[in-house]
Amino acid sequence: MHQPPQGYGQGSGYGPPPGPGGQPGYGPPQPGAPGYGPPQPGQPGYGQQPPYGQPPGYGPPGYGPPPKKKKTGLIVGLIVGGVVLLGLGIPGGIFASEYYSSVGKAPVSEQPPAECAISPEVLNKTLMTSFQGSRENEIKALDIVTKQRGCSWLAPDGDNVHDRALQVTIYRHEGPDAEKRASESSVGSAAPSERQQQVQGIGEKAVLVSLDTDSAFSGAELRYTQGVYVVIVTYKGWDKGFFTNSPIPPAESAEAAKSVGAEIAKKLPR
């Protein structure tokens, strides 16, 4: 039987660890001895500590986290999309602000004079219910006098569509031959562009003139005489749109002018 070489099993790093009391032996390792039980806190292997020289959170060299995907394309896409939306949003915001702005006005504190007083029922038909005041003027040449009274209405404040105006002008002739001068006043027009039609039942002589044009501006004007009076009722303007304006429907303009003219005529002396 061959004997192991002298020193075999006793050298550092070889053979079984020393037994109790520091004597060589082959018994089980004791608590607290190196290698006994699971790794202890602070010892290599506890809590999967990284190898020496590696920062926490990384495994051995060559096994780090996968590289992150580049977001350059996403960022560029978001920027381009934002620029496009911004480009579309600014003009849209401007158009919307303009469209929803009011074309009407609040009424003035004064009440319409008796000559211009119009019932709420008739004003509601015209949509021009906000009284904007009146004015007076007088033209005198010796004994010949012509007095003028003008009144106007707009859409009420908050109306953002009906950009129109209603105007009533009443001329009263005084002095010698006042009624004759009124009856001889021209209520029509020789302009070929103005389409005219005779109107029955309002005053003594009445003509309805179309103010429609090739643009959005449109309307109608009623001109009539009655006694010493000459009356002109003008209804004009357009309807505001989001991108373009629209003309007032001709039938609507004609009805507004005739309704107001008929009510004014009832109050005038014959």
Protein backbone atom coordinates (compact mmCIF):
# COMPACT_ATOMS: atom_id res chain seq x y z
CA MET A 1 0.00 0.00 0.00
CA HIS A 2 1.44 3.21 -1.15
CA GLN A 3 1.57 6.09 1.31
CA PRO A 4 0.70 9.59 0.17
CA PRO A 5 3.59 11.86 -0.14
CA GLN A 6 4.52 13.68 2.99
CA GLY A 7 2.53 16.87 3.39
CA TYR A 8 -0.38 15.71 1.21
CA GLY A 9 -3.65 16.96 2.67
CA GLN A 10 -1.95 19.37 5.05
CA GLY A 11 -0.93 22.15 2.70
CA SER A 12 -2.94 25.37 2.61
CA GLY A 13 -5.75 25.10 0.09
CA TYR A 14 -5.59 21.29 -0.13
CA GLY A 15 -7.47 18.58 1.62
CA PRO A 16 -10.25 18.80 4.14
CA PRO A 17 -10.43 21.64 6.62
CA PRO A 18 -9.12 21.14 10.19
CA GLY A 19 -11.40 19.42 12.63
CA PRO A 20 -12.47 20.67 16.03
CA GLY A 21 -9.74 22.30 18.04
CA GLY A 22 -7.86 23.10 14.90
CA GLN A 23 -6.91 19.46 14.32
CA PRO A 24 -7.16 18.04 10.88
CA GLY A 25 -10.33 16.12 10.34
CA TYR A 26 -13.20 15.39 8.11
CA GLY A 27 -16.20 16.38 10.23
CA PRO A 28 -18.96 18.68 9.04
CA PRO A 29 -18.17 22.36 9.00
CA GLN A 30 -19.19 24.23 12.09
CA PRO A 31 -21.41 27.24 12.28
CA GLY A 32 -19.44 30.37 11.66
CA ALA A 33 -16.78 28.50 9.83
CA PRO A 34 -15.98 29.58 6.31
CA GLY A 35 -18.32 28.03 3.74
CA TYR A 36 -20.99 27.06 6.30
CA GLY A 37 -24.59 27.81 5.36
CA PRO A 38 -25.87 30.37 2.88
CA PRO A 39 -23.86 33.47 2.14
CA GLN A 40 -24.07 36.07 4.87
CA PRO A 41 -24.71 39.77 4.42
CA GLY A 42 -21.58 41.57 3.45
CA GLN A 43 -20.04 38.42 2.01
CA PRO A 44 -19.63 37.77 -1.70
CA GLY A 45 -22.72 36.13 -3.17
CA TYR A 46 -25.24 37.67 -0.74
CA GLY A 47 -28.06 39.36 -2.55
CA GLN A 48 -26.37 38.69 -5.89
CA GLN A 49 -23.64 41.28 -5.34
CA PRO A 50 -21.93 42.28 -8.58
CA PRO A 51 -18.36 41.24 -9.29
CA TYR A 52 -15.67 43.52 -8.03
CA GLY A 53 -15.22 46.55 -10.20
CA GLN A 54 -18.76 46.45 -11.73
CA PRO A 55 -21.33 49.09 -10.86
CA PRO A 56 -24.49 47.91 -9.09
CA GLY A 57 -27.30 46.76 -11.33
CA TYR A 58 -25.10 45.17 -14.00
CA GLY A 59 -24.11 41.57 -14.45
CA PRO A 60 -20.81 40.22 -15.66
CA PRO A 61 -19.14 41.96 -18.58
CA GLY A 62 -21.02 41.34 -21.81
CA TYR A 63 -24.39 40.75 -20.09
CA GLY A 64 -25.58 44.32 -19.45
CA PRO A 65 -29.10 45.60 -20.31
CA PRO A 66 -30.05 45.74 -23.99
CA PRO A 67 -29.34 49.06 -25.68
CA LYS A 68 -32.25 51.51 -25.65
CA LYS A 69 -34.04 52.18 -28.94
CA LYS A 70 -33.34 55.57 -30.37
CA LYS A 71 -36.36 57.95 -30.30
CA THR A 72 -35.06 60.36 -32.90
CA GLY A 73 -37.76 59.42 -35.43
CA LEU A 74 -40.53 59.74 -32.86
CA ILE A 75 -39.28 63.11 -31.69
CA VAL A 76 -38.98 64.42 -35.24
CA GLY A 77 -42.47 63.16 -36.03
CA LEU A 78 -43.93 64.87 -32.99
CA ILE A 79 -42.19 68.12 -33.87
CA VAL A 80 -43.40 68.03 -37.47
CA GLY A 81 -46.92 67.13 -36.37
CA GLY A 82 -46.92 69.95 -33.84
CA VAL A 83 -45.78 72.45 -36.45
CA VAL A 84 -48.52 71.30 -38.85
CA LEU A 85 -51.21 71.52 -36.17
CA LEU A 86 -49.89 74.89 -35.08
CA GLY A 87 -49.97 76.12 -38.67
CA LEU A 88 -53.54 74.95 -39.06
CA GLY A 89 -54.65 76.11 -35.64
CA ILE A 90 -53.54 79.74 -35.86
CA PRO A 91 -55.54 80.64 -39.01
CA GLY A 92 -58.48 78.61 -37.73
CA GLY A 93 -58.36 80.47 -34.44
CA ILE A 94 -58.25 83.81 -36.24
CA PHE A 95 -61.21 82.89 -38.47
CA ALA A 96 -63.19 81.58 -35.50
CA SER A 97 -62.48 84.72 -33.47
CA GLU A 98 -63.62 86.90 -36.34
CA TYR A 99 -66.69 84.80 -37.06
CA TYR A 100 -67.95 84.74 -33.47
CA SER A 101 -67.35 88.45 -32.86
CA SER A 102 -70.57 90.46 -32.63
CA VAL A 103 -71.74 92.54 -35.59
CA GLY A 104 -74.45 94.19 -33.51
CA LYS A 105 -74.43 96.86 -30.83
CA ALA A 106 -76.24 97.60 -27.62
CA PRO A 107 -79.05 100.18 -28.01
CA VAL A 108 -78.52 103.80 -27.07
CA SER A 109 -80.28 105.16 -24.00
CA GLU A 110 -82.67 107.47 -25.91
CA GLN A 111 -85.96 106.29 -27.34
CA PRO A 112 -86.93 106.70 -31.02
CA PRO A 113 -88.86 109.91 -31.75
CA ALA A 114 -92.55 109.59 -32.59
CA GLU A 115 -91.95 109.90 -36.35
CA CYS A 116 -89.61 106.90 -36.30
CA ALA A 117 -91.34 104.75 -33.70
CA ILE A 118 -91.67 101.16 -34.98
CA SER A 119 -93.46 98.36 -33.16
CA PRO A 120 -91.41 95.47 -31.75
CA GLU A 121 -93.31 93.03 -33.99
CA VAL A 122 -92.10 94.78 -37.14
CA LEU A 123 -88.58 95.28 -35.83
CA ASN A 124 -88.33 91.58 -34.99
CA LYS A 125 -89.08 90.76 -38.63
CA THR A 126 -86.14 92.91 -39.72
CA LEU A 127 -83.81 91.45 -37.02
CA MET A 128 -82.57 95.02 -36.48
CA THR A 129 -83.90 95.68 -32.98
CA SER A 130 -81.12 97.81 -31.44
CA PHE A 131 -81.93 101.52 -31.80
CA GLN A 132 -78.82 103.58 -32.55
CA GLY A 133 -80.20 107.11 -32.30
CA SER A 134 -81.66 109.82 -34.50
CA ARG A 135 -80.53 113.04 -36.14
CA GLU A 136 -82.18 116.20 -37.39
CA ASN A 137 -81.34 118.63 -40.15
CA GLU A 138 -82.99 121.61 -41.77
CA ILE A 139 -82.52 123.13 -45.21
CA LYS A 140 -83.93 126.62 -45.63
CA ALA A 141 -84.06 128.96 -48.62
CA LEU A 142 -86.21 132.00 -47.85
CA ASP A 143 -89.69 130.61 -47.20
CA ILE A 144 -88.91 127.16 -48.57
CA VAL A 145 -87.99 124.77 -45.76
CA THR A 146 -87.17 121.08 -45.78
CA LYS A 147 -86.74 119.34 -42.42
CA GLN A 148 -85.07 116.00 -42.19
CA ARG A 149 -85.27 113.32 -39.48
CA GLY A 150 -83.13 110.19 -39.63
CA CYS A 151 -83.23 107.08 -37.41
CA SER A 152 -81.19 103.89 -37.51
CA TRP A 153 -81.17 100.38 -36.06
CA LEU A 154 -78.61 97.58 -35.98
CA ALA A 155 -78.62 93.94 -34.92
CA PRO A 156 -78.55 93.44 -31.14
CA ASP A 157 -75.24 92.96 -29.39
CA GLY A 158 -74.23 89.30 -29.59
CA ASP A 159 -75.55 88.68 -33.11
CA ASN A 160 -72.53 87.50 -35.08
CA VAL A 161 -74.22 86.85 -38.44
CA HIS A 162 -76.65 89.59 -39.55
CA ASP A 163 -74.31 92.45 -40.42
CA ARG A 164 -77.13 94.68 -41.61
CA ALA A 165 -78.61 98.11 -40.94
CA LEU A 166 -82.09 99.62 -41.02
CA GLN A 167 -82.38 103.34 -41.73
CA VAL A 168 -85.45 105.55 -41.94
CA THR A 169 -85.20 109.09 -43.34
CA ILE A 170 -88.24 111.37 -43.30
CA TYR A 171 -88.31 114.68 -45.23
CA ARG A 172 -91.02 117.21 -44.41
CA HIS A 173 -91.58 120.13 -46.79
CA GLU A 174 -92.77 123.43 -45.36
CA GLY A 175 -93.63 126.78 -46.85
CA PRO A 176 -95.31 127.66 -50.15
CA ASP A 177 -96.42 124.71 -52.27
CA ALA A 178 -95.00 122.25 -49.73
CA GLU A 179 -97.26 119.36 -50.75
CA LYS A 180 -96.66 119.96 -54.44
CA ARG A 181 -92.92 119.98 -53.94
CA ALA A 182 -93.13 116.71 -51.99
CA SER A 183 -95.28 114.98 -54.62
CA GLU A 184 -92.88 116.07 -57.37
CA SER A 185 -89.88 114.66 -55.55
CA SER A 186 -88.25 111.83 -57.40
CA VAL A 187 -88.71 108.56 -55.52
CA GLY A 188 -87.27 106.47 -58.30
CA SER A 189 -83.90 106.39 -59.96
CA ALA A 190 -82.72 106.53 -63.53
CA ALA A 191 -79.72 104.31 -62.79
CA PRO A 192 -80.02 101.20 -65.01
CA SER A 193 -78.33 99.04 -62.37
CA GLU A 194 -81.18 99.61 -59.91
CA ARG A 195 -84.11 97.25 -60.36
CA GLN A 196 -87.33 99.01 -59.40
CA GLN A 197 -90.94 98.05 -58.95
CA GLN A 198 -94.06 100.01 -58.08
CA VAL A 199 -95.55 99.26 -54.67
CA GLN A 200 -99.26 99.64 -53.97
CA GLY A 201 -100.84 100.41 -50.61
CA ILE A 202 -98.00 102.44 -49.10
CA GLY A 203 -98.25 106.23 -49.33
CA GLU A 204 -99.42 107.94 -52.49
CA LYS A 205 -96.56 106.90 -54.73
CA ALA A 206 -94.08 104.19 -53.75
CA VAL A 207 -91.18 102.45 -55.45
CA LEU A 208 -89.09 99.53 -54.18
CA VAL A 209 -85.49 99.62 -55.37
CA SER A 210 -83.14 96.63 -55.21
CA LEU A 211 -79.67 97.34 -53.81
CA ASP A 212 -78.27 93.91 -54.68
CA THR A 213 -74.81 93.83 -56.25
CA ASP A 214 -72.39 91.21 -57.56
CA SER A 215 -70.78 91.09 -54.11
CA ALA A 216 -72.25 90.15 -50.74
CA PHE A 217 -73.59 93.69 -50.27
CA SER A 218 -77.34 93.62 -50.82
CA GLY A 219 -80.63 95.02 -49.65
CA ALA A 220 -83.68 97.01 -50.67
CA GLU A 221 -84.84 100.60 -50.42
CA LEU A 222 -88.47 101.77 -50.28
CA ARG A 223 -89.15 105.37 -51.40
CA TYR A 224 -92.59 106.94 -51.17
CA THR A 225 -94.43 110.25 -50.82
CA GLN A 226 -97.39 111.12 -48.63
CA GLY A 227 -98.73 114.64 -48.26
CA VAL A 228 -95.83 116.96 -47.45
CA TYR A 229 -93.58 113.99 -46.58
CA VAL A 230 -91.03 112.00 -48.50
CA VAL A 231 -89.89 108.80 -46.77
CA ILE A 232 -86.93 106.56 -47.58
CA VAL A 233 -86.56 103.19 -45.80
CA THR A 234 -83.22 101.48 -46.43
CA TYR A 235 -82.42 97.90 -45.43
CA LYS A 236 -78.89 96.86 -46.43
CA GLY A 237 -75.82 94.83 -45.53
CA TRP A 238 -74.90 91.12 -45.71
CA ASP A 239 -74.75 87.95 -43.65
CA LYS A 240 -71.35 87.11 -42.24
CA GLY A 241 -69.92 83.65 -42.90
CA PHE A 242 -66.91 81.78 -41.54
CA PHE A 243 -64.84 82.33 -44.68
CA THR A 244 -67.01 84.52 -46.94
CA ASN A 245 -70.05 86.76 -46.51
CA SER A 246 -73.42 86.04 -48.11
CA PRO A 247 -76.00 88.48 -49.54
CA ILE A 248 -79.31 89.00 -47.81
CA PRO A 249 -82.07 86.99 -49.54
CA PRO A 250 -83.87 89.51 -51.83
CA ALA A 251 -87.33 88.57 -50.57
CA GLU A 252 -86.20 89.19 -46.98
CA SER A 253 -84.83 92.63 -47.80
CA ALA A 254 -87.99 93.62 -49.69
CA GLU A 255 -90.28 92.45 -46.90
CA ALA A 256 -88.27 94.31 -44.24
CA ALA A 257 -88.34 97.60 -46.15
CA LYS A 258 -92.06 97.40 -46.99
CA SER A 259 -93.09 96.41 -43.45
CA VAL A 260 -91.25 99.36 -41.89
CA GLY A 261 -92.43 101.77 -44.59
CA ALA A 262 -96.06 100.77 -44.14
CA GLU A 263 -95.89 101.35 -40.36
CA ILE A 264 -94.28 104.78 -40.76
CA ALA A 265 -96.90 105.76 -43.35
CA LYS A 266 -99.75 105.10 -40.92
CA LYS A 267 -98.48 107.84 -38.58
CA LEU A 268 -97.97 110.54 -41.18
CA PRO A 269 -100.69 113.13 -41.79
CA ARG A 270 -102.38 112.79 -45.18
